[in-house]
Amino acid sequence: MKSGILKKASILYASFSGNTRKVARVAQGALAARGWRAELVNLRNFERGLHAVDADLIVLGVPVQYWDIPNTAKTMIRRLPVFQRTPAFVFTTFGRCVCNSVPWALAMELADKNCSVLGGAQIAAPHSAKMDDGSRLGDMEEAFGKGQPDPATLLGFREALMTVAAKVEEKQTRPIEIERLKALHTRGMTADVMNRISSHRMRQDFMPWVEHLQINCERCYGCLNACDSQAISKDGMDTIVIDRDLCNRCYKCTDICQNSAMTTDWKRFVFLVRTVHLMARDTTSKFVV
């Protein structure tokens, strides 16, 4: 970057199992090393007037959930202010088993917020489905993201982001054709057809419910504070209650709970994940700038 020029970036992210947060931190480090002031903000904590809405670059990352932008993340994105033709870069993380075109959908959301999207990435990461011993499927099997994102992938991500940063510094901020981001699509004919004919809610409803085991609960209420959809509350006896109509089955609460008081039918979860994986193809990390 040219001497004397200080650029600002707002790196906004949603993360359930931690994968997206890790990549967001890589983005923050890369931009900081270039001399930018890079602010890292969880979407759930974004507040107008508190965080930089006058950034020179918006970096937005979310996990893929049920072949789509997570419902709670989509709500948070739509609450963002309208920007002033601010350049943007989008990225998603996924467990290598889902047919999706979420980077394109994410770019469309930002375009509606008057951002100029200059590039995007789809990053393979460990799948968060849990095995019987509590370990994540993605930490055990390469097919579901073990070892990802690897150094080569992170290098590619940094290079794509640095290309965008250089364009911003040089005021070459003409947006890419958003349709180009469909090149990041993870493919598979059967899964693609299912993606088109089924809604986010229909796909979500195949997954098992979260259950609360009172006997294991220490009433720390970490699950309540972590839930972005307000599906978890306390009753008059301070016992945890789950509203199934509000629950998005993101399973974030099961990661937060250290006592297995929040749990689900992981065998069914893993079976469904493996079934979808059979239909998906081309599930590698990709970049478009």
C-alpha atoms as a PDB file:
ATOM      1  CA  MET A   1       0.000   0.000   0.000  1.00  0.00           C
ATOM      2  CA  LYS A   2       1.187   3.510  -0.725  1.00  0.00           C
ATOM      3  CA  SER A   3       2.805   5.336   2.201  1.00  0.00           C
ATOM      4  CA  GLY A   4       0.527   7.679   4.123  1.00  0.00           C
ATOM      5  CA  ILE A   5      -2.699   5.999   3.037  1.00  0.00           C
ATOM      6  CA  LEU A   6      -4.619   4.257   5.782  1.00  0.00           C
ATOM      7  CA  LYS A   7      -7.460   2.037   4.625  1.00  0.00           C
ATOM      8  CA  LYS A   8     -10.164   0.537   6.813  1.00  0.00           C
ATOM      9  CA  ALA A   9     -11.855  -2.828   6.455  1.00  0.00           C
ATOM     10  CA  SER A  10     -14.861  -4.222   8.305  1.00  0.00           C
ATOM     11  CA  ILE A  11     -14.651  -8.016   8.440  1.00  0.00           C
ATOM     12  CA  LEU A  12     -18.144  -9.226   9.291  1.00  0.00           C
ATOM     13  CA  TYR A  13     -18.847 -12.872   9.965  1.00  0.00           C
ATOM     14  CA  ALA A  14     -21.307 -15.409  11.365  1.00  0.00           C
ATOM     15  CA  SER A  15     -19.881 -18.586  12.890  1.00  0.00           C
ATOM     16  CA  PHE A  16     -21.435 -21.573  14.650  1.00  0.00           C
ATOM     17  CA  SER A  17     -18.647 -24.126  15.061  1.00  0.00           C
ATOM     18  CA  GLY A  18     -15.734 -21.693  14.719  1.00  0.00           C
ATOM     19  CA  ASN A  19     -14.696 -22.420  11.122  1.00  0.00           C
ATOM     20  CA  THR A  20     -15.803 -19.085   9.681  1.00  0.00           C
ATOM     21  CA  ARG A  21     -14.341 -17.117  12.574  1.00  0.00           C
ATOM     22  CA  LYS A  22     -10.926 -18.699  11.933  1.00  0.00           C
ATOM     23  CA  VAL A  23     -10.971 -17.687   8.271  1.00  0.00           C
ATOM     24  CA  ALA A  24     -12.183 -14.201   9.203  1.00  0.00           C
ATOM     25  CA  ARG A  25      -9.148 -13.872  11.473  1.00  0.00           C
ATOM     26  CA  VAL A  26      -6.898 -14.879   8.578  1.00  0.00           C
ATOM     27  CA  ALA A  27      -8.482 -12.075   6.544  1.00  0.00           C
ATOM     28  CA  GLN A  28      -7.905  -9.627   9.400  1.00  0.00           C
ATOM     29  CA  GLY A  29      -4.258 -10.633   9.707  1.00  0.00           C
ATOM     30  CA  ALA A  30      -3.636 -10.405   5.968  1.00  0.00           C
ATOM     31  CA  LEU A  31      -5.107  -6.909   5.698  1.00  0.00           C
ATOM     32  CA  ALA A  32      -3.325  -5.732   8.855  1.00  0.00           C
ATOM     33  CA  ALA A  33      -0.015  -6.958   7.430  1.00  0.00           C
ATOM     34  CA  ARG A  34      -0.736  -4.821   4.385  1.00  0.00           C
ATOM     35  CA  GLY A  35      -1.131  -1.753   6.590  1.00  0.00           C
ATOM     36  CA  TRP A  36      -4.916  -1.675   6.806  1.00  0.00           C
ATOM     37  CA  ARG A  37      -6.936  -1.097   9.953  1.00  0.00           C
ATOM     38  CA  ALA A  38      -9.034  -4.268   9.922  1.00  0.00           C
ATOM     39  CA  GLU A  39     -11.960  -4.552  12.326  1.00  0.00           C
ATOM     40  CA  LEU A  40     -13.338  -8.036  13.086  1.00  0.00           C
ATOM     41  CA  VAL A  41     -17.054  -8.041  13.989  1.00  0.00           C
ATOM     42  CA  ASN A  42     -19.448 -10.910  14.632  1.00  0.00           C
ATOM     43  CA  LEU A  43     -22.641 -10.059  12.758  1.00  0.00           C
ATOM     44  CA  ARG A  44     -24.696 -10.609  15.893  1.00  0.00           C
ATOM     45  CA  ASN A  45     -22.732  -7.763  17.557  1.00  0.00           C
ATOM     46  CA  PHE A  46     -22.862  -5.281  14.688  1.00  0.00           C
ATOM     47  CA  GLU A  47     -24.318  -1.964  15.796  1.00  0.00           C
ATOM     48  CA  ARG A  48     -24.867   1.051  13.630  1.00  0.00           C
ATOM     49  CA  GLY A  49     -22.647   3.890  14.853  1.00  0.00           C
ATOM     50  CA  LEU A  50     -20.391   1.607  16.894  1.00  0.00           C
ATOM     51  CA  HIS A  51     -18.694  -0.314  14.112  1.00  0.00           C
ATOM     52  CA  ALA A  52     -17.243   1.086  10.914  1.00  0.00           C
ATOM     53  CA  VAL A  53     -19.953   1.620   8.312  1.00  0.00           C
ATOM     54  CA  ASP A  54     -17.629   3.940   6.389  1.00  0.00           C
ATOM     55  CA  ALA A  55     -15.107   1.195   5.668  1.00  0.00           C
ATOM     56  CA  ASP A  56     -13.114   1.139   2.447  1.00  0.00           C
ATOM     57  CA  LEU A  57     -13.769  -2.597   2.154  1.00  0.00           C
ATOM     58  CA  ILE A  58     -16.412  -4.951   3.534  1.00  0.00           C
ATOM     59  CA  VAL A  59     -15.386  -8.595   3.956  1.00  0.00           C
ATOM     60  CA  LEU A  60     -18.375 -10.824   4.719  1.00  0.00           C
ATOM     61  CA  GLY A  61     -18.150 -14.510   5.631  1.00  0.00           C
ATOM     62  CA  VAL A  62     -20.741 -17.097   6.689  1.00  0.00           C
ATOM     63  CA  PRO A  63     -20.922 -20.881   6.952  1.00  0.00           C
ATOM     64  CA  VAL A  64     -23.079 -22.845   4.536  1.00  0.00           C
ATOM     65  CA  GLN A  65     -26.131 -24.221   6.321  1.00  0.00           C
ATOM     66  CA  TYR A  66     -28.714 -26.431   4.612  1.00  0.00           C
ATOM     67  CA  TRP A  67     -27.272 -25.437   1.218  1.00  0.00           C
ATOM     68  CA  ASP A  68     -27.966 -21.770   1.919  1.00  0.00           C
ATOM     69  CA  ILE A  69     -26.985 -18.713   3.954  1.00  0.00           C
ATOM     70  CA  PRO A  70     -27.961 -19.531   7.563  1.00  0.00           C
ATOM     71  CA  ASN A  71     -31.369 -18.031   8.367  1.00  0.00           C
ATOM     72  CA  THR A  72     -30.063 -16.060  11.344  1.00  0.00           C
ATOM     73  CA  ALA A  73     -27.107 -14.722   9.345  1.00  0.00           C
ATOM     74  CA  LYS A  74     -29.425 -13.670   6.518  1.00  0.00           C
ATOM     75  CA  THR A  75     -31.564 -11.725   8.991  1.00  0.00           C
ATOM     76  CA  MET A  76     -28.472 -10.013  10.412  1.00  0.00           C
ATOM     77  CA  ILE A  77     -27.178  -9.123   6.941  1.00  0.00           C
ATOM     78  CA  ARG A  78     -30.497  -7.570   6.000  1.00  0.00           C
ATOM     79  CA  ARG A  79     -30.282  -5.371   9.088  1.00  0.00           C
ATOM     80  CA  LEU A  80     -26.973  -3.895   7.940  1.00  0.00           C
ATOM     81  CA  PRO A  81     -27.080  -0.274   6.765  1.00  0.00           C
ATOM     82  CA  VAL A  82     -27.053   0.645   3.095  1.00  0.00           C
ATOM     83  CA  PHE A  83     -23.456   1.327   2.075  1.00  0.00           C
ATOM     84  CA  GLN A  84     -22.065   3.925  -0.324  1.00  0.00           C
ATOM     85  CA  ARG A  85     -20.913   1.729  -3.207  1.00  0.00           C
ATOM     86  CA  THR A  86     -18.446   0.168  -0.773  1.00  0.00           C
ATOM     87  CA  PRO A  87     -16.187  -2.517  -2.302  1.00  0.00           C
ATOM     88  CA  ALA A  88     -16.792  -5.984  -0.864  1.00  0.00           C
ATOM     89  CA  PHE A  89     -15.376  -9.495  -0.779  1.00  0.00           C
ATOM     90  CA  VAL A  90     -17.469 -12.507   0.274  1.00  0.00           C
ATOM     91  CA  PHE A  91     -16.498 -15.952   1.506  1.00  0.00           C
ATOM     92  CA  THR A  92     -18.197 -19.063   2.831  1.00  0.00           C
ATOM     93  CA  THR A  93     -16.992 -22.119   4.739  1.00  0.00           C
ATOM     94  CA  PHE A  94     -18.486 -25.563   4.150  1.00  0.00           C
ATOM     95  CA  GLY A  95     -17.900 -29.146   5.250  1.00  0.00           C
ATOM     96  CA  ARG A  96     -17.311 -30.521   1.738  1.00  0.00           C
ATOM     97  CA  CYS A  97     -20.641 -32.307   1.463  1.00  0.00           C
ATOM     98  CA  VAL A  98     -23.187 -29.753   0.315  1.00  0.00           C
ATOM     99  CA  CYS A  99     -24.262 -28.731  -3.175  1.00  0.00           C
ATOM    100  CA  ASN A 100     -24.511 -24.957  -2.897  1.00  0.00           C
ATOM    101  CA  SER A 101     -23.959 -21.584  -4.542  1.00  0.00           C
ATOM    102  CA  VAL A 102     -23.918 -19.578  -1.306  1.00  0.00           C
ATOM    103  CA  PRO A 103     -21.082 -17.158  -2.280  1.00  0.00           C
ATOM    104  CA  TRP A 104     -23.265 -15.957  -5.153  1.00  0.00           C
ATOM    105  CA  ALA A 105     -26.272 -15.601  -2.811  1.00  0.00           C
ATOM    106  CA  LEU A 106     -24.126 -13.714  -0.302  1.00  0.00           C
ATOM    107  CA  ALA A 107     -22.938 -11.338  -3.028  1.00  0.00           C
ATOM    108  CA  MET A 108     -26.538 -10.711  -4.057  1.00  0.00           C
ATOM    109  CA  GLU A 109     -27.387  -9.757  -0.476  1.00  0.00           C
ATOM    110  CA  LEU A 110     -24.508  -7.249  -0.399  1.00  0.00           C
ATOM    111  CA  ALA A 111     -25.419  -5.889  -3.821  1.00  0.00           C
ATOM    112  CA  ASP A 112     -28.851  -5.105  -2.352  1.00  0.00           C
ATOM    113  CA  LYS A 113     -26.969  -3.138   0.321  1.00  0.00           C
ATOM    114  CA  ASN A 114     -25.282  -1.062  -2.411  1.00  0.00           C
ATOM    115  CA  CYS A 115     -21.905  -2.786  -2.177  1.00  0.00           C
ATOM    116  CA  SER A 116     -19.643  -3.374  -5.174  1.00  0.00           C
ATOM    117  CA  VAL A 117     -18.589  -7.018  -4.971  1.00  0.00           C
ATOM    118  CA  LEU A 118     -15.020  -7.464  -6.244  1.00  0.00           C
ATOM    119  CA  GLY A 119     -14.511 -11.155  -5.502  1.00  0.00           C
ATOM    120  CA  GLY A 120     -15.357 -14.184  -3.430  1.00  0.00           C
ATOM    121  CA  ALA A 121     -14.233 -17.532  -2.079  1.00  0.00           C
ATOM    122  CA  GLN A 122     -15.651 -20.866  -0.991  1.00  0.00           C
ATOM    123  CA  ILE A 123     -13.457 -22.480   1.683  1.00  0.00           C
ATOM    124  CA  ALA A 124     -13.499 -26.163   2.652  1.00  0.00           C
ATOM    125  CA  ALA A 125     -13.433 -26.621   6.438  1.00  0.00           C
ATOM    126  CA  PRO A 126     -14.100 -29.436   8.934  1.00  0.00           C
ATOM    127  CA  HIS A 127     -17.752 -30.484   9.089  1.00  0.00           C
ATOM    128  CA  SER A 128     -19.267 -29.936  12.535  1.00  0.00           C
ATOM    129  CA  ALA A 129     -21.360 -33.146  12.728  1.00  0.00           C
ATOM    130  CA  LYS A 130     -20.305 -35.106  15.807  1.00  0.00           C
ATOM    131  CA  MET A 131     -19.369 -38.759  16.129  1.00  0.00           C
ATOM    132  CA  ASP A 132     -20.226 -41.040  19.070  1.00  0.00           C
ATOM    133  CA  ASP A 133     -17.085 -40.023  20.954  1.00  0.00           C
ATOM    134  CA  GLY A 134     -17.891 -36.321  20.617  1.00  0.00           C
ATOM    135  CA  SER A 135     -15.270 -35.595  17.959  1.00  0.00           C
ATOM    136  CA  ARG A 136     -16.300 -33.785  14.789  1.00  0.00           C
ATOM    137  CA  LEU A 137     -16.756 -35.753  11.586  1.00  0.00           C
ATOM    138  CA  GLY A 138     -14.700 -33.098   9.821  1.00  0.00           C
ATOM    139  CA  ASP A 139     -11.783 -33.574  12.200  1.00  0.00           C
ATOM    140  CA  MET A 140     -11.705 -37.323  11.535  1.00  0.00           C
ATOM    141  CA  GLU A 141     -12.228 -37.760   7.768  1.00  0.00           C
ATOM    142  CA  GLU A 142     -10.620 -35.934   4.852  1.00  0.00           C
ATOM    143  CA  ALA A 143     -13.794 -36.332   2.791  1.00  0.00           C
ATOM    144  CA  PHE A 144     -15.508 -33.996   5.247  1.00  0.00           C
ATOM    145  CA  GLY A 145     -12.751 -31.416   5.604  1.00  0.00           C
ATOM    146  CA  LYS A 146     -10.070 -32.894   7.851  1.00  0.00           C
ATOM    147  CA  GLY A 147      -6.967 -30.718   7.585  1.00  0.00           C
ATOM    148  CA  GLN A 148      -8.828 -27.923   5.797  1.00  0.00           C
ATOM    149  CA  PRO A 149      -8.274 -25.152   5.128  1.00  0.00           C
ATOM    150  CA  ASP A 150      -4.708 -26.268   4.472  1.00  0.00           C
ATOM    151  CA  PRO A 151      -1.764 -23.865   3.936  1.00  0.00           C
ATOM    152  CA  ALA A 152      -2.261 -23.829   0.154  1.00  0.00           C
ATOM    153  CA  THR A 153      -5.931 -22.935   0.565  1.00  0.00           C
ATOM    154  CA  LEU A 154      -5.182 -20.159   3.047  1.00  0.00           C
ATOM    155  CA  LEU A 155      -2.509 -18.809   0.723  1.00  0.00           C
ATOM    156  CA  GLY A 156      -5.029 -18.757  -2.128  1.00  0.00           C
ATOM    157  CA  PHE A 157      -7.524 -16.995   0.114  1.00  0.00           C
ATOM    158  CA  ARG A 158      -4.988 -14.355   1.151  1.00  0.00           C
ATOM    159  CA  GLU A 159      -3.915 -13.789  -2.449  1.00  0.00           C
ATOM    160  CA  ALA A 160      -7.520 -13.342  -3.592  1.00  0.00           C
ATOM    161  CA  LEU A 161      -8.194 -10.893  -0.767  1.00  0.00           C
ATOM    162  CA  MET A 162      -4.939  -9.013  -1.410  1.00  0.00           C
ATOM    163  CA  THR A 163      -5.887  -8.674  -5.074  1.00  0.00           C
ATOM    164  CA  VAL A 164      -9.120  -7.020  -3.987  1.00  0.00           C
ATOM    165  CA  ALA A 165      -7.303  -4.819  -1.448  1.00  0.00           C
ATOM    166  CA  ALA A 166      -4.872  -3.644  -4.151  1.00  0.00           C
ATOM    167  CA  LYS A 167      -7.802  -2.704  -6.388  1.00  0.00           C
ATOM    168  CA  VAL A 168      -9.318  -0.653  -3.580  1.00  0.00           C
ATOM    169  CA  GLU A 169      -6.003   1.126  -2.954  1.00  0.00           C
ATOM    170  CA  GLU A 170      -5.707   1.910  -6.656  1.00  0.00           C
ATOM    171  CA  LYS A 171      -9.387   2.963  -6.833  1.00  0.00           C
ATOM    172  CA  GLN A 172     -10.105   0.282  -9.410  1.00  0.00           C
ATOM    173  CA  THR A 173     -13.347  -0.809  -7.793  1.00  0.00           C
ATOM    174  CA  ARG A 174     -15.481  -1.824 -10.734  1.00  0.00           C
ATOM    175  CA  PRO A 175     -17.545  -4.792  -9.496  1.00  0.00           C
ATOM    176  CA  ILE A 176     -17.221  -8.212 -11.043  1.00  0.00           C
ATOM    177  CA  GLU A 177     -20.190  -9.811 -12.736  1.00  0.00           C
ATOM    178  CA  ILE A 178     -21.862 -11.482  -9.769  1.00  0.00           C
ATOM    179  CA  GLU A 179     -22.811 -14.441 -11.948  1.00  0.00           C
ATOM    180  CA  ARG A 180     -19.090 -15.298 -12.007  1.00  0.00           C
ATOM    181  CA  LEU A 181     -19.402 -16.357  -8.377  1.00  0.00           C
ATOM    182  CA  LYS A 182     -21.483 -19.307  -9.511  1.00  0.00           C
ATOM    183  CA  ALA A 183     -18.151 -20.787 -10.557  1.00  0.00           C
ATOM    184  CA  LEU A 184     -17.666 -21.437  -6.848  1.00  0.00           C
ATOM    185  CA  HIS A 185     -20.690 -23.757  -6.913  1.00  0.00           C
ATOM    186  CA  THR A 186     -20.135 -27.229  -5.423  1.00  0.00           C
ATOM    187  CA  ARG A 187     -21.817 -29.485  -7.916  1.00  0.00           C
ATOM    188  CA  GLY A 188     -23.720 -32.737  -8.216  1.00  0.00           C
ATOM    189  CA  MET A 189     -26.682 -33.331 -10.511  1.00  0.00           C
ATOM    190  CA  THR A 190     -29.009 -35.019  -8.009  1.00  0.00           C
ATOM    191  CA  ALA A 191     -28.159 -32.594  -5.226  1.00  0.00           C
ATOM    192  CA  ASP A 192     -28.548 -29.646  -7.597  1.00  0.00           C
ATOM    193  CA  VAL A 193     -32.081 -30.747  -8.491  1.00  0.00           C
ATOM    194  CA  MET A 194     -32.925 -31.227  -4.807  1.00  0.00           C
ATOM    195  CA  ASN A 195     -31.538 -27.775  -4.081  1.00  0.00           C
ATOM    196  CA  ARG A 196     -33.886 -26.247  -6.642  1.00  0.00           C
ATOM    197  CA  ILE A 197     -37.070 -28.025  -5.581  1.00  0.00           C
ATOM    198  CA  SER A 198     -36.677 -27.917  -1.792  1.00  0.00           C
ATOM    199  CA  SER A 199     -36.781 -24.916   0.526  1.00  0.00           C
ATOM    200  CA  HIS A 200     -34.303 -24.102   3.289  1.00  0.00           C
ATOM    201  CA  ARG A 201     -36.950 -25.072   5.849  1.00  0.00           C
ATOM    202  CA  MET A 202     -37.667 -28.414   4.155  1.00  0.00           C
ATOM    203  CA  ARG A 203     -33.986 -29.357   4.208  1.00  0.00           C
ATOM    204  CA  GLN A 204     -33.672 -28.198   7.800  1.00  0.00           C
ATOM    205  CA  ASP A 205     -36.657 -30.304   8.866  1.00  0.00           C
ATOM    206  CA  PHE A 206     -34.829 -33.494   7.869  1.00  0.00           C
ATOM    207  CA  MET A 207     -32.303 -32.880  10.635  1.00  0.00           C
ATOM    208  CA  PRO A 208     -32.809 -34.078  14.232  1.00  0.00           C
ATOM    209  CA  TRP A 209     -34.054 -31.773  16.962  1.00  0.00           C
ATOM    210  CA  VAL A 210     -31.866 -30.378  19.711  1.00  0.00           C
ATOM    211  CA  GLU A 211     -32.781 -31.891  23.084  1.00  0.00           C
ATOM    212  CA  HIS A 212     -32.112 -30.519  26.573  1.00  0.00           C
ATOM    213  CA  LEU A 213     -31.069 -33.037  29.228  1.00  0.00           C
ATOM    214  CA  GLN A 214     -31.931 -31.409  32.531  1.00  0.00           C
ATOM    215  CA  ILE A 215     -29.927 -33.967  34.515  1.00  0.00           C
ATOM    216  CA  ASN A 216     -26.698 -32.727  32.863  1.00  0.00           C
ATOM    217  CA  CYS A 217     -27.512 -29.020  33.028  1.00  0.00           C
ATOM    218  CA  GLU A 218     -25.510 -26.782  35.372  1.00  0.00           C
ATOM    219  CA  ARG A 219     -27.632 -23.734  34.506  1.00  0.00           C
ATOM    220  CA  CYS A 220     -24.772 -21.690  33.124  1.00  0.00           C
ATOM    221  CA  TYR A 221     -27.117 -20.507  30.349  1.00  0.00           C
ATOM    222  CA  GLY A 222     -24.328 -20.359  27.792  1.00  0.00           C
ATOM    223  CA  CYS A 223     -26.688 -21.983  25.289  1.00  0.00           C
ATOM    224  CA  LEU A 224     -29.297 -19.274  25.850  1.00  0.00           C
ATOM    225  CA  ASN A 225     -26.767 -16.507  25.230  1.00  0.00           C
ATOM    226  CA  ALA A 226     -25.355 -18.247  22.157  1.00  0.00           C
ATOM    227  CA  CYS A 227     -28.668 -18.820  20.376  1.00  0.00           C
ATOM    228  CA  ASP A 228     -29.078 -16.310  17.542  1.00  0.00           C
ATOM    229  CA  SER A 229     -32.713 -17.242  16.862  1.00  0.00           C
ATOM    230  CA  GLN A 230     -33.974 -16.749  20.442  1.00  0.00           C
ATOM    231  CA  ALA A 231     -35.184 -20.351  20.452  1.00  0.00           C
ATOM    232  CA  ILE A 232     -33.756 -21.023  23.936  1.00  0.00           C
ATOM    233  CA  SER A 233     -35.278 -19.482  27.056  1.00  0.00           C
ATOM    234  CA  LYS A 234     -35.894 -20.143  30.769  1.00  0.00           C
ATOM    235  CA  ASP A 235     -39.197 -21.079  32.345  1.00  0.00           C
ATOM    236  CA  GLY A 236     -40.434 -20.008  35.787  1.00  0.00           C
ATOM    237  CA  MET A 237     -38.177 -22.604  37.415  1.00  0.00           C
ATOM    238  CA  ASP A 238     -35.112 -21.323  35.503  1.00  0.00           C
ATOM    239  CA  THR A 239     -35.137 -24.539  33.453  1.00  0.00           C
ATOM    240  CA  ILE A 240     -34.015 -24.375  29.822  1.00  0.00           C
ATOM    241  CA  VAL A 241     -36.838 -24.514  27.270  1.00  0.00           C
ATOM    242  CA  ILE A 242     -36.370 -24.934  23.496  1.00  0.00           C
ATOM    243  CA  ASP A 243     -38.939 -23.430  21.117  1.00  0.00           C
ATOM    244  CA  ARG A 244     -38.934 -25.790  18.136  1.00  0.00           C
ATOM    245  CA  ASP A 245     -40.727 -23.281  15.940  1.00  0.00           C
ATOM    246  CA  LEU A 246     -37.790 -20.885  16.317  1.00  0.00           C
ATOM    247  CA  CYS A 247     -34.918 -23.394  16.376  1.00  0.00           C
ATOM    248  CA  ASN A 248     -32.852 -23.354  13.176  1.00  0.00           C
ATOM    249  CA  ARG A 249     -30.984 -26.525  14.095  1.00  0.00           C
ATOM    250  CA  CYS A 250     -27.590 -24.905  13.705  1.00  0.00           C
ATOM    251  CA  TYR A 251     -26.397 -26.924  16.757  1.00  0.00           C
ATOM    252  CA  LYS A 252     -24.334 -24.013  18.010  1.00  0.00           C
ATOM    253  CA  CYS A 253     -25.750 -24.609  21.486  1.00  0.00           C
ATOM    254  CA  THR A 254     -24.411 -28.175  21.499  1.00  0.00           C
ATOM    255  CA  ASP A 255     -20.897 -26.825  20.884  1.00  0.00           C
ATOM    256  CA  ILE A 256     -21.251 -24.238  23.637  1.00  0.00           C
ATOM    257  CA  CYS A 257     -22.500 -26.708  26.257  1.00  0.00           C
ATOM    258  CA  GLN A 258     -19.607 -28.414  28.050  1.00  0.00           C
ATOM    259  CA  ASN A 259     -21.816 -30.888  29.938  1.00  0.00           C
ATOM    260  CA  SER A 260     -23.728 -32.504  27.047  1.00  0.00           C
ATOM    261  CA  ALA A 261     -26.960 -31.023  28.376  1.00  0.00           C
ATOM    262  CA  MET A 262     -27.698 -29.790  24.849  1.00  0.00           C
ATOM    263  CA  THR A 263     -27.550 -32.705  22.458  1.00  0.00           C
ATOM    264  CA  THR A 264     -29.157 -34.315  19.429  1.00  0.00           C
ATOM    265  CA  ASP A 265     -29.345 -37.607  17.576  1.00  0.00           C
ATOM    266  CA  TRP A 266     -25.837 -37.416  16.155  1.00  0.00           C
ATOM    267  CA  LYS A 267     -26.087 -40.843  14.493  1.00  0.00           C
ATOM    268  CA  ARG A 268     -28.983 -39.619  12.388  1.00  0.00           C
ATOM    269  CA  PHE A 269     -27.168 -36.344  11.734  1.00  0.00           C
ATOM    270  CA  VAL A 270     -24.055 -38.132  10.488  1.00  0.00           C
ATOM    271  CA  PHE A 271     -26.118 -40.556   8.389  1.00  0.00           C
ATOM    272  CA  LEU A 272     -27.847 -37.660   6.617  1.00  0.00           C
ATOM    273  CA  VAL A 273     -24.560 -35.820   6.095  1.00  0.00           C
ATOM    274  CA  ARG A 274     -23.000 -38.920   4.543  1.00  0.00           C
ATOM    275  CA  THR A 275     -26.033 -39.360   2.282  1.00  0.00           C
ATOM    276  CA  VAL A 276     -25.805 -35.805   0.974  1.00  0.00           C
ATOM    277  CA  HIS A 277     -22.068 -36.216   0.465  1.00  0.00           C
ATOM    278  CA  LEU A 278     -22.726 -39.061  -1.992  1.00  0.00           C
ATOM    279  CA  MET A 279     -24.591 -36.602  -4.220  1.00  0.00           C
ATOM    280  CA  ALA A 280     -22.146 -33.695  -4.074  1.00  0.00           C
ATOM    281  CA  ARG A 281     -19.150 -33.180  -6.347  1.00  0.00           C
ATOM    282  CA  ASP A 282     -16.378 -30.637  -6.842  1.00  0.00           C
ATOM    283  CA  THR A 283     -16.264 -29.819  -3.136  1.00  0.00           C
ATOM    284  CA  THR A 284     -12.920 -28.021  -3.117  1.00  0.00           C
ATOM    285  CA  SER A 285     -11.921 -24.508  -2.091  1.00  0.00           C
ATOM    286  CA  LYS A 286     -12.203 -21.965  -4.904  1.00  0.00           C
ATOM    287  CA  PHE A 287     -11.618 -18.265  -5.485  1.00  0.00           C
ATOM    288  CA  VAL A 288     -12.926 -15.632  -7.914  1.00  0.00           C
ATOM    289  CA  VAL A 289     -11.534 -12.103  -8.328  1.00  0.00           C
END
